[in-house]
Protein backbone atom coordinates (compact mmCIF):
# COMPACT_ATOMS: atom_id res chain seq x y z
CA MET A 1 -19.92 22.55 -45.09
CA TYR A 2 -20.55 20.96 -48.42
CA PHE A 3 -24.07 20.30 -49.65
CA GLY A 4 -24.52 18.58 -53.02
CA PRO A 5 -24.55 15.46 -55.21
CA THR A 6 -21.86 13.05 -54.64
CA GLY A 7 -21.10 9.32 -55.47
CA ALA A 8 -22.09 7.32 -58.28
CA ASP A 9 -25.61 7.09 -57.37
CA GLY A 10 -26.17 10.77 -57.48
CA HIS A 11 -27.46 10.93 -54.04
CA TRP A 12 -27.17 14.20 -52.20
CA VAL A 13 -25.15 14.94 -48.91
CA VAL A 14 -24.51 17.25 -46.21
CA LYS A 15 -21.15 17.32 -44.97
CA HIS A 16 -19.50 19.00 -41.81
CA PRO A 17 -16.55 18.21 -39.87
CA ALA A 18 -18.40 17.37 -36.57
CA LEU A 19 -21.19 15.49 -38.62
CA GLN A 20 -21.02 12.13 -40.45
CA SER A 21 -22.40 12.38 -44.12
CA VAL A 22 -26.34 12.32 -44.56
CA GLN A 23 -27.38 10.58 -47.58
CA PRO A 24 -31.25 10.89 -47.92
CA HIS A 25 -33.25 9.01 -50.24
CA GLU A 26 -35.27 10.64 -52.93
CA GLY A 27 -37.93 13.17 -51.47
CA GLU A 28 -36.11 12.86 -48.23
CA TYR A 29 -33.01 15.05 -48.67
CA ALA A 30 -34.73 18.36 -47.86
CA SER A 31 -35.79 17.12 -44.16
CA HIS A 32 -32.47 15.74 -43.62
CA PHE A 33 -30.75 18.82 -44.87
CA VAL A 34 -32.79 20.96 -42.43
CA GLN A 35 -32.06 18.58 -39.63
CA SER A 36 -28.51 18.68 -40.42
CA LEU A 37 -28.52 22.53 -40.16
CA VAL A 38 -29.97 22.67 -37.03
CA MET A 39 -27.57 20.14 -35.53
CA ILE A 40 -24.78 22.39 -37.14
CA ALA A 41 -26.17 25.48 -35.36
CA GLY A 42 -26.50 23.73 -32.14
CA LEU A 43 -22.75 22.64 -32.29
CA ARG A 44 -21.96 26.33 -32.90
CA SER A 45 -23.94 27.46 -30.16
CA ARG A 46 -22.32 25.02 -27.89
CA GLU A 47 -18.81 25.93 -29.07
CA GLU A 48 -19.59 29.75 -28.62
CA ASP A 49 -20.84 28.75 -24.89
CA MET A 50 -17.64 27.30 -24.11
CA THR A 51 -15.80 30.48 -23.89
CA ILE A 52 -13.07 31.36 -21.04
CA ALA A 53 -12.63 34.49 -19.19
CA GLU A 54 -9.19 35.51 -17.91
CA ASP A 55 -10.90 35.83 -14.26
CA GLN A 56 -11.63 32.13 -14.69
CA VAL A 57 -7.82 31.20 -15.52
CA ASN A 58 -6.56 33.44 -12.55
CA ALA A 59 -9.19 31.72 -10.34
CA ALA A 60 -7.92 28.05 -11.46
CA GLN A 61 -4.44 29.22 -10.88
CA GLN A 62 -5.05 30.64 -7.40
CA ALA A 63 -7.16 27.32 -6.61
CA TRP A 64 -4.17 25.17 -7.41
CA CYS A 65 -2.02 27.16 -5.14
CA ASP A 66 -4.59 27.01 -2.44
CA GLY A 67 -4.93 23.26 -2.96
CA LEU A 68 -1.14 22.85 -2.69
CA VAL A 69 -1.19 24.83 0.56
CA GLY A 70 -4.36 22.98 1.97
CA ILE A 71 -2.73 19.34 1.46
CA GLY A 72 0.15 20.60 3.70
CA LYS A 73 -2.19 21.83 6.32
CA VAL A 74 -3.77 18.39 6.34
CA HIS A 75 -0.73 16.89 6.53
CA ARG A 76 0.22 19.02 9.65
CA ALA A 77 -3.06 18.03 11.16
CA GLY A 78 -2.50 14.50 10.85
CA GLY A 79 -5.36 14.09 8.52
CA ASP A 80 -5.83 12.12 5.32
CA VAL A 81 -3.52 13.83 2.87
CA ARG A 82 -4.43 11.34 -0.15
CA ALA A 83 -8.06 12.58 0.04
CA ALA A 84 -7.02 16.32 -0.16
CA ALA A 85 -4.70 15.36 -3.09
CA VAL A 86 -7.27 13.64 -5.00
CA ALA A 87 -9.75 16.45 -4.40
CA LEU A 88 -6.99 18.70 -6.02
CA ILE A 89 -6.23 16.24 -8.86
CA ASP A 90 -9.88 15.74 -9.71
CA GLY A 91 -10.98 19.21 -9.31
CA LEU A 92 -8.14 20.85 -11.39
CA TYR A 93 -6.42 18.15 -13.57
CA ASP A 94 -8.21 16.40 -16.65
CA TYR A 95 -7.54 13.04 -16.33
CA ALA A 96 -11.08 11.96 -16.23
CA GLU A 97 -12.15 13.32 -19.60
CA GLY A 98 -8.91 14.02 -21.40
CA VAL A 99 -4.99 13.34 -21.62
CA VAL A 100 -2.82 15.33 -19.25
CA PHE A 101 0.89 16.38 -20.08
CA PHE A 102 2.07 16.63 -16.35
CA LYS A 103 5.93 17.33 -15.93
CA PRO A 104 6.49 18.03 -12.35
CA THR A 105 9.23 20.08 -10.98
CA LEU A 106 11.08 17.22 -9.17
CA ALA A 107 10.78 14.18 -11.39
CA HIS A 108 13.39 12.36 -13.48
CA GLY A 109 14.11 9.39 -15.25
CA HIS A 110 11.25 7.37 -16.87
CA GLN A 111 9.07 8.90 -14.35
CA THR A 112 9.58 12.51 -15.62
CA PHE A 113 6.16 12.68 -17.14
CA ARG A 114 3.01 11.86 -15.06
CA ASP A 115 0.27 10.91 -17.70
CA THR A 116 -2.22 9.20 -15.05
CA ALA A 117 -3.92 10.46 -11.80
CA LYS A 118 -1.97 7.69 -10.09
CA GLY A 119 1.37 9.22 -10.97
CA ALA A 120 0.11 12.85 -10.10
CA LEU A 121 -1.06 11.57 -6.64
CA SER A 122 2.28 10.11 -5.90
CA TYR A 123 4.04 13.29 -6.75
CA PHE A 124 1.90 15.36 -4.46
CA VAL A 125 1.78 12.86 -1.39
CA GLY A 126 4.26 10.06 -2.22
CA GLY A 127 3.70 6.58 -0.47
CA ASP A 128 3.44 4.71 -3.92
CA PRO A 129 5.89 1.92 -4.22
CA ASP A 130 5.55 2.26 -8.23
CA PHE A 131 7.17 5.78 -7.72
CA ALA A 132 9.65 5.15 -5.06
CA ASN A 133 11.60 8.48 -5.47
CA ASP A 134 8.45 10.51 -4.73
CA LYS A 135 8.56 12.12 -1.35
CA GLY A 136 5.44 14.20 -1.79
CA PHE A 137 6.16 17.71 -2.81
CA ALA A 138 2.85 18.88 -0.96
CA LEU A 139 4.02 17.52 2.18
CA LYS A 140 7.10 19.84 2.74
CA PRO A 141 4.40 21.47 3.90
CA TRP A 142 4.06 24.79 2.16
CA ALA A 143 2.77 27.77 4.36
CA ARG A 144 2.20 29.99 1.22
CA ALA A 145 1.75 29.71 -2.49
CA TRP A 146 1.26 32.26 -5.22
CA TYR A 147 1.82 32.83 -8.72
CA GLU A 148 2.68 35.52 -11.50
CA ASN A 149 1.60 35.18 -15.30
CA ASN A 150 4.66 37.06 -16.50
CA ALA A 151 5.57 35.71 -19.81
CA ALA A 152 3.98 38.62 -21.69
CA GLU A 153 1.83 41.46 -20.87
CA ASN A 154 -0.49 39.56 -18.87
CA GLY A 155 0.96 35.89 -19.26
CA ILE A 156 -2.32 34.61 -20.66
CA GLN A 157 -3.41 33.30 -24.07
CA ILE A 158 -7.15 32.14 -24.53
CA HIS A 159 -8.01 30.07 -27.60
CA GLY A 160 -11.51 29.08 -27.52
CA ASN A 161 -11.93 26.43 -24.88
CA ILE A 162 -8.17 26.29 -24.03
CA ALA A 163 -6.27 28.95 -22.03
CA ILE A 164 -2.50 29.13 -21.68
CA THR A 165 -0.50 30.57 -18.77
CA MET A 166 3.37 31.11 -18.42
CA GLY A 167 5.22 32.66 -15.58
CA ASN A 168 6.29 31.77 -11.94
CA VAL A 169 4.84 29.85 -8.98
CA TYR A 170 6.30 30.80 -5.68
CA VAL A 171 6.05 28.63 -2.40
CA ALA A 172 7.34 29.35 1.10
CA ASP A 173 7.56 27.09 4.16
CA TYR A 174 6.61 27.68 7.47
CA ASP A 175 10.43 28.84 8.11
CA GLY A 176 9.95 31.55 5.49
CA ASN A 177 12.23 29.57 2.90
CA GLU A 178 11.06 30.35 -0.26
CA LEU A 179 11.06 28.46 -3.90
CA MET A 180 10.55 29.73 -7.26
CA VAL A 181 9.61 27.61 -10.09
CA ASP A 182 9.16 28.15 -13.90
CA LYS A 183 5.55 27.02 -14.76
CA THR A 184 3.47 26.51 -17.71
CA PHE A 185 -0.15 25.60 -17.25
CA VAL A 186 -2.72 24.73 -20.17
CA PHE A 187 -6.29 24.62 -18.95
CA ARG A 188 -9.31 22.90 -20.74
CA LEU A 189 -12.74 24.14 -20.45
CA CYS A 190 -14.50 20.85 -19.39
CA ARG A 191 -17.96 19.57 -19.84
CA ASP A 192 -18.82 21.12 -16.31
CA GLN A 193 -17.69 24.29 -17.19
CA GLN A 194 -14.84 23.79 -15.19
CA LEU A 195 -11.10 24.68 -16.20
CA ARG A 196 -8.94 21.56 -15.66
CA LEU A 197 -5.17 21.24 -16.52
CA CYS A 198 -4.54 19.30 -19.58
CA VAL A 199 -0.59 20.56 -19.39
CA HIS A 200 1.45 21.40 -16.36
CA LYS A 201 5.09 21.70 -16.84
CA SER A 202 7.20 23.07 -14.07
CA ALA A 203 11.05 23.37 -13.80
CA LEU A 204 13.71 25.24 -11.56
CA PRO A 205 15.11 28.31 -12.99
CA TYR A 206 18.24 27.85 -15.00
CA SER A 207 21.21 29.40 -13.28
CA PRO A 208 24.29 29.76 -15.63
CA ALA A 209 27.69 28.52 -14.34
CA ASP A 210 29.96 31.42 -13.19
């Protein structure tokens, strides 16, 4: 923060990265200064409140796994899979407030990255002519899904309102066939205090040629 005179007119200003400059007139700068300090204190308090616990990160990852399986259950029951997928996307992806980098496992070409909720929805349940190659990853359907954060000691980094996880996600169909993917999740703590994905990258493990 900077507090002092600036400019040719010698007016005093308070500067902070989160605030616009305050340029009070003579006799008024003290009250503006106090108001600015109050605002800064409020911003700092809000930032301190925006903290993430590892339990929240694990719960968000489990919710993703449960949501994937849940879409498959709705599909098997002949229900509305689009509504189930929309609930997963709205609840766990940050399309509403921010920007999402989503690189699904089975996507390629110019549709490898899904920066819209529409593209994410198509990946999970298909049926969108704009994404003709999507068959609906969640419609396999999967009977079980679980994760391991095994990139480091616990596979989780927390930096303020951002949490990063890296490891593997496993899915198993109703015949017991399993698939493992390498996954990186980055969650952001949103205004409603819910963690949502701003980055989701998943890929099949690399298998070197014999």
